[in-house]
């Protein structure tokens, strides 16, 4: 799975999870919140991801790809787990 975050002038979290790249239908991805982007915009984003892009613009949003953290390798901001 590939996740991208979408950023606009609000503070709410928005992202798209791609189950398949490139996207061909609405079952290949999930938007949070639901209905955030139309299928043609998500298809274009998936093509950009396939081409190796890691950030860009789509409509009113800036987007960036999140890097996957290997299992067990995540550290808390303080550097310790309690």
Protein backbone atom coordinates (compact mmCIF):
# COMPACT_ATOMS: atom_id res chain seq x y z
CA UNK A 1 0.00 0.00 0.00
CA UNK A 2 1.13 3.53 -0.74
CA UNK A 3 -0.20 6.46 1.28
CA UNK A 4 -0.04 10.11 0.36
CA UNK A 5 -1.00 13.02 2.58
CA UNK A 6 -2.90 15.96 1.16
CA UNK A 7 -2.29 19.42 2.60
CA UNK A 8 -4.45 22.52 2.26
CA UNK A 9 -5.13 25.59 4.38
CA UNK A 10 -7.05 23.57 7.01
CA UNK A 11 -5.69 21.55 9.90
CA UNK A 12 -7.68 18.39 9.15
CA UNK A 13 -5.83 15.23 8.11
CA UNK A 14 -6.46 14.06 4.57
CA UNK A 15 -4.86 11.16 2.76
CA UNK A 16 -5.24 8.66 -0.03
CA UNK A 17 -4.31 4.98 0.29
CA UNK A 18 -3.41 3.31 -3.00
CA UNK A 19 -3.93 -0.44 -3.04
CA UNK A 20 -2.84 -0.65 -6.71
CA UNK A 21 -0.68 1.69 -8.80
CA UNK A 22 -1.73 2.81 -11.31
CA UNK A 23 -5.37 3.09 -10.23
CA UNK A 24 -8.00 1.98 -12.75
CA UNK A 25 -11.21 2.04 -10.66
CA UNK A 26 -12.64 3.14 -7.33
CA UNK A 27 -11.78 -0.18 -5.64
CA UNK A 28 -8.04 0.50 -6.10
CA UNK A 29 -7.85 3.28 -3.50
CA UNK A 30 -9.43 4.79 -0.40
CA UNK A 31 -9.72 8.47 0.49
CA UNK A 32 -9.88 9.72 4.04
CA UNK A 33 -12.26 11.47 4.35
CA UNK A 34 -14.38 9.50 1.92
CA UNK A 35 -15.02 11.26 -1.40
CA UNK A 36 -12.07 13.61 -0.98
CA UNK A 37 -10.93 13.36 -4.61
CA UNK A 38 -12.71 12.24 -7.77
CA UNK A 39 -11.51 9.12 -9.61
CA UNK A 40 -9.79 11.04 -12.46
CA UNK A 41 -7.66 12.99 -9.95
CA UNK A 42 -6.67 9.80 -8.12
CA UNK A 43 -5.81 8.08 -11.42
CA UNK A 44 -3.50 11.00 -12.29
CA UNK A 45 -1.88 10.90 -8.85
CA UNK A 46 -1.29 7.16 -9.20
CA UNK A 47 0.43 7.72 -12.56
CA UNK A 48 2.70 10.29 -10.95
CA UNK A 49 3.55 7.82 -8.16
CA UNK A 50 4.24 5.10 -10.74
CA UNK A 51 6.63 7.52 -12.47
CA UNK A 52 8.55 7.97 -9.20
CA UNK A 53 7.21 11.33 -8.02
CA UNK A 54 7.04 11.80 -4.25
CA UNK A 55 5.30 15.20 -4.05
CA UNK A 56 3.28 17.57 -6.18
CA UNK A 57 0.00 19.45 -6.55
CA UNK A 58 -3.49 18.29 -7.36
CA UNK A 59 -6.32 20.78 -7.41
CA UNK A 60 -6.24 22.80 -4.19
CA UNK A 61 -3.93 20.34 -2.42
CA UNK A 62 -0.22 19.80 -2.10
CA UNK A 63 0.56 16.11 -1.76
CA UNK A 64 3.51 14.06 -0.55
CA UNK A 65 4.19 10.36 -0.34
CA UNK A 66 4.77 8.88 3.11
CA UNK A 67 7.72 6.60 3.58
CA UNK A 68 6.87 3.18 4.97
CA UNK A 69 8.46 2.43 8.35
CA UNK A 70 9.82 -1.12 8.68
CA UNK A 71 8.04 -3.17 11.35
CA UNK A 72 9.54 -2.61 14.78
CA UNK A 73 11.65 0.36 13.65
CA UNK A 74 9.32 3.20 14.71
CA UNK A 75 10.54 5.41 17.55
CA UNK A 76 8.38 7.72 19.60
CA UNK A 77 9.17 11.45 19.42
CA UNK A 78 10.90 11.28 22.81
CA UNK A 79 13.01 8.36 21.66
CA UNK A 80 11.73 5.97 24.31
CA UNK A 81 8.65 3.79 24.81
CA UNK A 82 6.94 3.75 28.19
